[in-house]
Amino acid sequence: MSTNRRDDHICAKQAVCFQCFKAGMERVRARREAWAQRALPFEEAPREMSSRAVAHREQMLAHLRNVQRATSDGLRAKWPVAR
């Protein structure tokens, strides 16, 4: 690990001084917080949908229901289930 210590600083000759220790601890804390935040969703309030957006979603859901119904009806006609 590289350090950016000056030769005339006390840490160059002796144990780590308090300021360098504190700076190091703050870097570690910031790194841990950044790691913990990586998976959190953004904290935005959900937007209200316009009536046009709601109508579009309802139209898409109706389309998917029709496709599902047509597919299941087609499968039953093609492969009848013995009961």
PDB file of N, CA and C in Angstrom:
ATOM      1  N   MET A   1       0.854  -1.174   0.000  1.00  0.00           N
ATOM      2  CA  MET A   1       0.000   0.000   0.000  1.00  0.00           C
ATOM      3  C   MET A   1       0.893   1.227   0.000  1.00  0.00           C
ATOM      4  N   SER A   2       0.668   2.121  -0.917  1.00  0.00           N
ATOM      5  CA  SER A   2       1.495   3.322  -0.983  1.00  0.00           C
ATOM      6  C   SER A   2       0.918   4.398  -0.078  1.00  0.00           C
ATOM      7  N   THR A   3       1.795   5.173   0.482  1.00  0.00           N
ATOM      8  CA  THR A   3       1.364   6.273   1.346  1.00  0.00           C
ATOM      9  C   THR A   3       1.987   7.547   0.822  1.00  0.00           C
ATOM     10  N   ASN A   4       1.314   8.637   1.060  1.00  0.00           N
ATOM     11  CA  ASN A   4       1.798   9.943   0.624  1.00  0.00           C
ATOM     12  C   ASN A   4       2.300  10.735   1.819  1.00  0.00           C
ATOM     13  N   ARG A   5       3.230  10.175   2.535  1.00  0.00           N
ATOM     14  CA  ARG A   5       3.757  10.859   3.724  1.00  0.00           C
ATOM     15  C   ARG A   5       4.977  11.678   3.358  1.00  0.00           C
ATOM     16  N   ARG A   6       5.072  12.821   3.963  1.00  0.00           N
ATOM     17  CA  ARG A   6       6.266  13.653   3.775  1.00  0.00           C
ATOM     18  C   ARG A   6       7.369  13.127   4.674  1.00  0.00           C
ATOM     19  N   ASP A   7       8.613  13.317   4.271  1.00  0.00           N
ATOM     20  CA  ASP A   7       9.743  12.843   5.071  1.00  0.00           C
ATOM     21  C   ASP A   7       9.887  13.606   6.381  1.00  0.00           C
ATOM     22  N   ASP A   8       9.418  14.857   6.434  1.00  0.00           N
ATOM     23  CA  ASP A   8       9.554  15.634   7.667  1.00  0.00           C
ATOM     24  C   ASP A   8       8.368  15.443   8.605  1.00  0.00           C
ATOM     25  N   HIS A   9       7.386  14.648   8.204  1.00  0.00           N
ATOM     26  CA  HIS A   9       6.226  14.400   9.053  1.00  0.00           C
ATOM     27  C   HIS A   9       6.613  13.385  10.128  1.00  0.00           C
ATOM     28  N   ILE A  10       5.964  13.464  11.263  1.00  0.00           N
ATOM     29  CA  ILE A  10       6.305  12.593  12.394  1.00  0.00           C
ATOM     30  C   ILE A  10       6.084  11.114  12.064  1.00  0.00           C
ATOM     31  N   CYS A  11       5.118  10.818  11.193  1.00  0.00           N
ATOM     32  CA  CYS A  11       4.833   9.427  10.848  1.00  0.00           C
ATOM     33  C   CYS A  11       5.961   8.782  10.051  1.00  0.00           C
ATOM     34  N   ALA A  12       6.812   9.585   9.451  1.00  0.00           N
ATOM     35  CA  ALA A  12       7.917   9.024   8.673  1.00  0.00           C
ATOM     36  C   ALA A  12       8.966   8.416   9.593  1.00  0.00           C
ATOM     37  N   LYS A  13       9.044   8.880  10.827  1.00  0.00           N
ATOM     38  CA  LYS A  13      10.093   8.434  11.734  1.00  0.00           C
ATOM     39  C   LYS A  13       9.570   7.570  12.881  1.00  0.00           C
ATOM     40  N   GLN A  14       8.321   7.742  13.261  1.00  0.00           N
ATOM     41  CA  GLN A  14       7.792   7.050  14.429  1.00  0.00           C
ATOM     42  C   GLN A  14       6.480   6.358  14.074  1.00  0.00           C
ATOM     43  N   ALA A  15       5.733   6.008  15.083  1.00  0.00           N
ATOM     44  CA  ALA A  15       4.424   5.388  14.874  1.00  0.00           C
ATOM     45  C   ALA A  15       3.485   6.400  14.218  1.00  0.00           C
ATOM     46  N   VAL A  16       2.372   5.941  13.765  1.00  0.00           N
ATOM     47  CA  VAL A  16       1.404   6.798  13.090  1.00  0.00           C
ATOM     48  C   VAL A  16       0.851   7.832  14.058  1.00  0.00           C
ATOM     49  N   CYS A  17       0.817   9.088  13.612  1.00  0.00           N
ATOM     50  CA  CYS A  17       0.259  10.141  14.464  1.00  0.00           C
ATOM     51  C   CYS A  17      -1.266  10.071  14.429  1.00  0.00           C
ATOM     52  N   PHE A  18      -1.892  10.777  15.335  1.00  0.00           N
ATOM     53  CA  PHE A  18      -3.333  10.736  15.471  1.00  0.00           C
ATOM     54  C   PHE A  18      -4.029  11.218  14.198  1.00  0.00           C
ATOM     55  N   GLN A  19      -3.535  12.295  13.582  1.00  0.00           N
ATOM     56  CA  GLN A  19      -4.178  12.837  12.390  1.00  0.00           C
ATOM     57  C   GLN A  19      -4.168  11.814  11.238  1.00  0.00           C
ATOM     58  N   CYS A  20      -3.029  11.132  11.048  1.00  0.00           N
ATOM     59  CA  CYS A  20      -2.956  10.133   9.983  1.00  0.00           C
ATOM     60  C   CYS A  20      -3.827   8.920  10.305  1.00  0.00           C
ATOM     61  N   PHE A  21      -3.844   8.518  11.587  1.00  0.00           N
ATOM     62  CA  PHE A  21      -4.688   7.400  11.995  1.00  0.00           C
ATOM     63  C   PHE A  21      -6.161   7.730  11.744  1.00  0.00           C
ATOM     64  N   LYS A  22      -6.563   8.941  12.143  1.00  0.00           N
ATOM     65  CA  LYS A  22      -7.953   9.360  11.963  1.00  0.00           C
ATOM     66  C   LYS A  22      -8.302   9.443  10.480  1.00  0.00           C
ATOM     67  N   ALA A  23      -7.405   9.983   9.670  1.00  0.00           N
ATOM     68  CA  ALA A  23      -7.663  10.070   8.228  1.00  0.00           C
ATOM     69  C   ALA A  23      -7.820   8.677   7.624  1.00  0.00           C
ATOM     70  N   GLY A  24      -6.986   7.743   8.074  1.00  0.00           N
ATOM     71  CA  GLY A  24      -7.086   6.373   7.585  1.00  0.00           C
ATOM     72  C   GLY A  24      -8.403   5.730   7.982  1.00  0.00           C
ATOM     73  N   MET A  25      -8.813   5.956   9.223  1.00  0.00           N
ATOM     74  CA  MET A  25     -10.082   5.393   9.690  1.00  0.00           C
ATOM     75  C   MET A  25     -11.261   5.987   8.923  1.00  0.00           C
ATOM     76  N   GLU A  26     -11.189   7.271   8.619  1.00  0.00           N
ATOM     77  CA  GLU A  26     -12.266   7.904   7.856  1.00  0.00           C
ATOM     78  C   GLU A  26     -12.322   7.354   6.431  1.00  0.00           C
ATOM     79  N   ARG A  27     -11.164   7.067   5.833  1.00  0.00           N
ATOM     80  CA  ARG A  27     -11.150   6.456   4.497  1.00  0.00           C
ATOM     81  C   ARG A  27     -11.780   5.068   4.530  1.00  0.00           C
ATOM     82  N   VAL A  28     -11.453   4.292   5.554  1.00  0.00           N
ATOM     83  CA  VAL A  28     -12.025   2.949   5.691  1.00  0.00           C
ATOM     84  C   VAL A  28     -13.536   3.031   5.888  1.00  0.00           C
ATOM     85  N   ARG A  29     -13.978   3.941   6.747  1.00  0.00           N
ATOM     86  CA  ARG A  29     -15.411   4.117   6.999  1.00  0.00           C
ATOM     87  C   ARG A  29     -16.129   4.537   5.724  1.00  0.00           C
ATOM     88  N   ALA A  30     -15.559   5.471   4.982  1.00  0.00           N
ATOM     89  CA  ALA A  30     -16.183   5.925   3.741  1.00  0.00           C
ATOM     90  C   ALA A  30     -16.255   4.787   2.723  1.00  0.00           C
ATOM     91  N   ARG A  31     -15.213   3.966   2.665  1.00  0.00           N
ATOM     92  CA  ARG A  31     -15.202   2.840   1.741  1.00  0.00           C
ATOM     93  C   ARG A  31     -16.277   1.829   2.116  1.00  0.00           C
ATOM     94  N   ARG A  32     -16.413   1.551   3.413  1.00  0.00           N
ATOM     95  CA  ARG A  32     -17.441   0.612   3.867  1.00  0.00           C
ATOM     96  C   ARG A  32     -18.844   1.135   3.591  1.00  0.00           C
ATOM     97  N   GLU A  33     -19.069   2.413   3.829  1.00  0.00           N
ATOM     98  CA  GLU A  33     -20.382   2.998   3.558  1.00  0.00           C
ATOM     99  C   GLU A  33     -20.703   2.957   2.068  1.00  0.00           C
ATOM    100  N   ALA A  34     -19.706   3.235   1.235  1.00  0.00           N
ATOM    101  CA  ALA A  34     -19.923   3.179  -0.213  1.00  0.00           C
ATOM    102  C   ALA A  34     -20.260   1.758  -0.635  1.00  0.00           C
ATOM    103  N   TRP A  35     -19.589   0.765  -0.055  1.00  0.00           N
ATOM    104  CA  TRP A  35     -19.856  -0.638  -0.378  1.00  0.00           C
ATOM    105  C   TRP A  35     -21.268  -1.027   0.049  1.00  0.00           C
ATOM    106  N   ALA A  36     -21.682  -0.580   1.233  1.00  0.00           N
ATOM    107  CA  ALA A  36     -23.016  -0.915   1.738  1.00  0.00           C
ATOM    108  C   ALA A  36     -24.104  -0.232   0.910  1.00  0.00           C
ATOM    109  N   GLN A  37     -23.823   0.937   0.371  1.00  0.00           N
ATOM    110  CA  GLN A  37     -24.820   1.693  -0.388  1.00  0.00           C
ATOM    111  C   GLN A  37     -24.992   1.178  -1.806  1.00  0.00           C
ATOM    112  N   ARG A  38     -24.083   0.338  -2.297  1.00  0.00           N
ATOM    113  CA  ARG A  38     -24.102  -0.041  -3.710  1.00  0.00           C
ATOM    114  C   ARG A  38     -25.369  -0.757  -4.120  1.00  0.00           C
ATOM    115  N   ALA A  39     -25.998  -1.500  -3.216  1.00  0.00           N
ATOM    116  CA  ALA A  39     -27.176  -2.277  -3.576  1.00  0.00           C
ATOM    117  C   ALA A  39     -28.485  -1.599  -3.183  1.00  0.00           C
ATOM    118  N   LEU A  40     -28.409  -0.467  -2.533  1.00  0.00           N
ATOM    119  CA  LEU A  40     -29.639   0.189  -2.101  1.00  0.00           C
ATOM    120  C   LEU A  40     -30.289   0.905  -3.275  1.00  0.00           C
ATOM    121  N   PRO A  41     -31.595   0.856  -3.375  1.00  0.00           N
ATOM    122  CA  PRO A  41     -32.261   1.582  -4.462  1.00  0.00           C
ATOM    123  C   PRO A  41     -32.217   3.077  -4.181  1.00  0.00           C
ATOM    124  N   PHE A  42     -32.364   3.835  -5.215  1.00  0.00           N
ATOM    125  CA  PHE A  42     -32.427   5.285  -5.036  1.00  0.00           C
ATOM    126  C   PHE A  42     -33.703   5.614  -4.280  1.00  0.00           C
ATOM    127  N   GLU A  43     -33.613   6.577  -3.435  1.00  0.00           N
ATOM    128  CA  GLU A  43     -34.741   6.928  -2.583  1.00  0.00           C
ATOM    129  C   GLU A  43     -35.594   7.997  -3.248  1.00  0.00           C
ATOM    130  N   GLU A  44     -36.334   7.588  -4.256  1.00  0.00           N
ATOM    131  CA  GLU A  44     -37.239   8.501  -4.940  1.00  0.00           C
ATOM    132  C   GLU A  44     -38.661   8.097  -4.616  1.00  0.00           C
ATOM    133  N   ALA A  45     -39.477   9.076  -4.437  1.00  0.00           N
ATOM    134  CA  ALA A  45     -40.892   8.793  -4.214  1.00  0.00           C
ATOM    135  C   ALA A  45     -41.498   8.327  -5.536  1.00  0.00           C
ATOM    136  N   PRO A  46     -42.390   7.361  -5.489  1.00  0.00           N
ATOM    137  CA  PRO A  46     -43.004   6.916  -6.742  1.00  0.00           C
ATOM    138  C   PRO A  46     -43.812   8.037  -7.376  1.00  0.00           C
ATOM    139  N   ARG A  47     -43.673   8.146  -8.678  1.00  0.00           N
ATOM    140  CA  ARG A  47     -44.402   9.190  -9.395  1.00  0.00           C
ATOM    141  C   ARG A  47     -45.849   8.757  -9.597  1.00  0.00           C
ATOM    142  N   GLU A  48     -46.723   9.727  -9.642  1.00  0.00           N
ATOM    143  CA  GLU A  48     -48.109   9.420  -9.969  1.00  0.00           C
ATOM    144  C   GLU A  48     -48.194   9.251 -11.474  1.00  0.00           C
ATOM    145  N   MET A  49     -48.924   8.225 -11.880  1.00  0.00           N
ATOM    146  CA  MET A  49     -49.055   7.982 -13.309  1.00  0.00           C
ATOM    147  C   MET A  49     -50.187   8.825 -13.878  1.00  0.00           C
ATOM    148  N   SER A  50     -49.971   9.278 -15.099  1.00  0.00           N
ATOM    149  CA  SER A  50     -51.017  10.034 -15.772  1.00  0.00           C
ATOM    150  C   SER A  50     -52.124   9.074 -16.191  1.00  0.00           C
ATOM    151  N   SER A  51     -53.270   9.622 -16.522  1.00  0.00           N
ATOM    152  CA  SER A  51     -54.383   8.768 -16.956  1.00  0.00           C
ATOM    153  C   SER A  51     -54.022   8.053 -18.255  1.00  0.00           C
ATOM    154  N   ARG A  52     -53.207   8.680 -19.079  1.00  0.00           N
ATOM    155  CA  ARG A  52     -52.759   8.044 -20.324  1.00  0.00           C
ATOM    156  C   ARG A  52     -51.879   6.834 -20.020  1.00  0.00           C
ATOM    157  N   ALA A  53     -50.980   6.976 -19.042  1.00  0.00           N
ATOM    158  CA  ALA A  53     -50.097   5.861 -18.670  1.00  0.00           C
ATOM    159  C   ALA A  53     -50.898   4.711 -18.066  1.00  0.00           C
ATOM    160  N   VAL A  54     -51.888   5.030 -17.248  1.00  0.00           N
ATOM    161  CA  VAL A  54     -52.738   3.993 -16.652  1.00  0.00           C
ATOM    162  C   VAL A  54     -53.507   3.267 -17.751  1.00  0.00           C
ATOM    163  N   ALA A  55     -54.061   4.021 -18.702  1.00  0.00           N
ATOM    164  CA  ALA A  55     -54.812   3.410 -19.803  1.00  0.00           C
ATOM    165  C   ALA A  55     -53.905   2.506 -20.638  1.00  0.00           C
ATOM    166  N   HIS A  56     -52.675   2.941 -20.856  1.00  0.00           N
ATOM    167  CA  HIS A  56     -51.731   2.122 -21.622  1.00  0.00           C
ATOM    168  C   HIS A  56     -51.438   0.815 -20.907  1.00  0.00           C
ATOM    169  N   ARG A  57     -51.230   0.869 -19.613  1.00  0.00           N
ATOM    170  CA  ARG A  57     -50.951  -0.357 -18.857  1.00  0.00           C
ATOM    171  C   ARG A  57     -52.152  -1.291 -18.857  1.00  0.00           C
ATOM    172  N   GLU A  58     -53.350  -0.732 -18.723  1.00  0.00           N
ATOM    173  CA  GLU A  58     -54.552  -1.564 -18.776  1.00  0.00           C
ATOM    174  C   GLU A  58     -54.698  -2.223 -20.147  1.00  0.00           C
ATOM    175  N   GLN A  59     -54.374  -1.479 -21.193  1.00  0.00           N
ATOM    176  CA  GLN A  59     -54.438  -2.030 -22.546  1.00  0.00           C
ATOM    177  C   GLN A  59     -53.423  -3.167 -22.712  1.00  0.00           C
ATOM    178  N   MET A  60     -52.225  -2.985 -22.194  1.00  0.00           N
ATOM    179  CA  MET A  60     -51.200  -4.025 -22.299  1.00  0.00           C
ATOM    180  C   MET A  60     -51.595  -5.265 -21.495  1.00  0.00           C
ATOM    181  N   LEU A  61     -52.159  -5.087 -20.306  1.00  0.00           N
ATOM    182  CA  LEU A  61     -52.610  -6.229 -19.517  1.00  0.00           C
ATOM    183  C   LEU A  61     -53.731  -6.993 -20.229  1.00  0.00           C
ATOM    184  N   ALA A  62     -54.653  -6.266 -20.839  1.00  0.00           N
ATOM    185  CA  ALA A  62     -55.725  -6.929 -21.589  1.00  0.00           C
ATOM    186  C   ALA A  62     -55.133  -7.710 -22.759  1.00  0.00           C
ATOM    187  N   HIS A  63     -54.161  -7.134 -23.430  1.00  0.00           N
ATOM    188  CA  HIS A  63     -53.497  -7.825 -24.538  1.00  0.00           C
ATOM    189  C   HIS A  63     -52.826  -9.104 -24.050  1.00  0.00           C
ATOM    190  N   LEU A  64     -52.133  -9.032 -22.929  1.00  0.00           N
ATOM    191  CA  LEU A  64     -51.462 -10.222 -22.400  1.00  0.00           C
ATOM    192  C   LEU A  64     -52.466 -11.300 -21.992  1.00  0.00           C
ATOM    193  N   ARG A  65     -53.598 -10.886 -21.429  1.00  0.00           N
ATOM    194  CA  ARG A  65     -54.636 -11.863 -21.083  1.00  0.00           C
ATOM    195  C   ARG A  65     -55.163 -12.549 -22.338  1.00  0.00           C
ATOM    196  N   ASN A  66     -55.378 -11.768 -23.403  1.00  0.00           N
ATOM    197  CA  ASN A  66     -55.869 -12.344 -24.656  1.00  0.00           C
ATOM    198  C   ASN A  66     -54.850 -13.304 -25.259  1.00  0.00           C
ATOM    199  N   VAL A  67     -53.583 -12.944 -25.210  1.00  0.00           N
ATOM    200  CA  VAL A  67     -52.536 -13.816 -25.738  1.00  0.00           C
ATOM    201  C   VAL A  67     -52.475 -15.100 -24.924  1.00  0.00           C
ATOM    202  N   GLN A  68     -52.553 -14.971 -23.610  1.00  0.00           N
ATOM    203  CA  GLN A  68     -52.508 -16.150 -22.752  1.00  0.00           C
ATOM    204  C   GLN A  68     -53.710 -17.062 -23.027  1.00  0.00           C
ATOM    205  N   ARG A  69     -54.872 -16.462 -23.159  1.00  0.00           N
ATOM    206  CA  ARG A  69     -56.087 -17.236 -23.423  1.00  0.00           C
ATOM    207  C   ARG A  69     -55.984 -17.940 -24.780  1.00  0.00           C
ATOM    208  N   ALA A  70     -55.521 -17.220 -25.795  1.00  0.00           N
ATOM    209  CA  ALA A  70     -55.399 -17.811 -27.133  1.00  0.00           C
ATOM    210  C   ALA A  70     -54.361 -18.928 -27.137  1.00  0.00           C
ATOM    211  N   THR A  71     -53.270 -18.732 -26.411  1.00  0.00           N
ATOM    212  CA  THR A  71     -52.228 -19.748 -26.356  1.00  0.00           C
ATOM    213  C   THR A  71     -52.738 -20.987 -25.640  1.00  0.00           C
ATOM    214  N   SER A  72     -53.402 -20.806 -24.517  1.00  0.00           N
ATOM    215  CA  SER A  72     -53.886 -21.972 -23.776  1.00  0.00           C
ATOM    216  C   SER A  72     -54.998 -22.675 -24.542  1.00  0.00           C
ATOM    217  N   ASP A  73     -55.864 -21.924 -25.241  1.00  0.00           N
ATOM    218  CA  ASP A  73     -56.903 -22.550 -26.064  1.00  0.00           C
ATOM    219  C   ASP A  73     -56.273 -23.324 -27.210  1.00  0.00           C
ATOM    220  N   GLY A  74     -55.247 -22.762 -27.818  1.00  0.00           N
ATOM    221  CA  GLY A  74     -54.562 -23.428 -28.923  1.00  0.00           C
ATOM    222  C   GLY A  74     -53.856 -24.680 -28.468  1.00  0.00           C
ATOM    223  N   LEU A  75     -53.287 -24.652 -27.284  1.00  0.00           N
ATOM    224  CA  LEU A  75     -52.602 -25.836 -26.766  1.00  0.00           C
ATOM    225  C   LEU A  75     -53.599 -26.942 -26.451  1.00  0.00           C
ATOM    226  N   ARG A  76     -54.772 -26.563 -25.910  1.00  0.00           N
ATOM    227  CA  ARG A  76     -55.790 -27.579 -25.601  1.00  0.00           C
ATOM    228  C   ARG A  76     -56.322 -28.221 -26.872  1.00  0.00           C
ATOM    229  N   ALA A  77     -56.469 -27.434 -27.929  1.00  0.00           N
ATOM    230  CA  ALA A  77     -56.954 -27.998 -29.192  1.00  0.00           C
ATOM    231  C   ALA A  77     -55.904 -28.920 -29.815  1.00  0.00           C
ATOM    232  N   LYS A  78     -54.642 -28.542 -29.655  1.00  0.00           N
ATOM    233  CA  LYS A  78     -53.572 -29.318 -30.264  1.00  0.00           C
ATOM    234  C   LYS A  78     -53.277 -30.582 -29.478  1.00  0.00           C
ATOM    235  N   TRP A  79     -53.254 -30.481 -28.139  1.00  0.00           N
ATOM    236  CA  TRP A  79     -52.952 -31.621 -27.273  1.00  0.00           C
ATOM    237  C   TRP A  79     -54.063 -31.784 -26.247  1.00  0.00           C
ATOM    238  N   PRO A  80     -55.130 -32.454 -26.594  1.00  0.00           N
ATOM    239  CA  PRO A  80     -56.225 -32.615 -25.621  1.00  0.00           C
ATOM    240  C   PRO A  80     -55.775 -33.466 -24.434  1.00  0.00           C
ATOM    241  N   VAL A  81     -56.230 -33.076 -23.292  1.00  0.00           N
ATOM    242  CA  VAL A  81     -55.872 -33.769 -22.059  1.00  0.00           C
ATOM    243  C   VAL A  81     -56.933 -34.833 -21.795  1.00  0.00           C
ATOM    244  N   ALA A  82     -56.475 -36.073 -21.571  1.00  0.00           N
ATOM    245  CA  ALA A  82     -57.410 -37.167 -21.263  1.00  0.00           C
ATOM    246  C   ALA A  82     -57.828 -37.043 -19.816  1.00  0.00           C
ATOM    247  N   ARG A  83     -59.116 -37.077 -19.568  1.00  0.00           N
ATOM    248  CA  ARG A  83     -59.615 -36.948 -18.191  1.00  0.00           C
ATOM    249  C   ARG A  83     -60.336 -38.166 -17.770  1.00  0.00           C
TER     250      ARG A  83
END
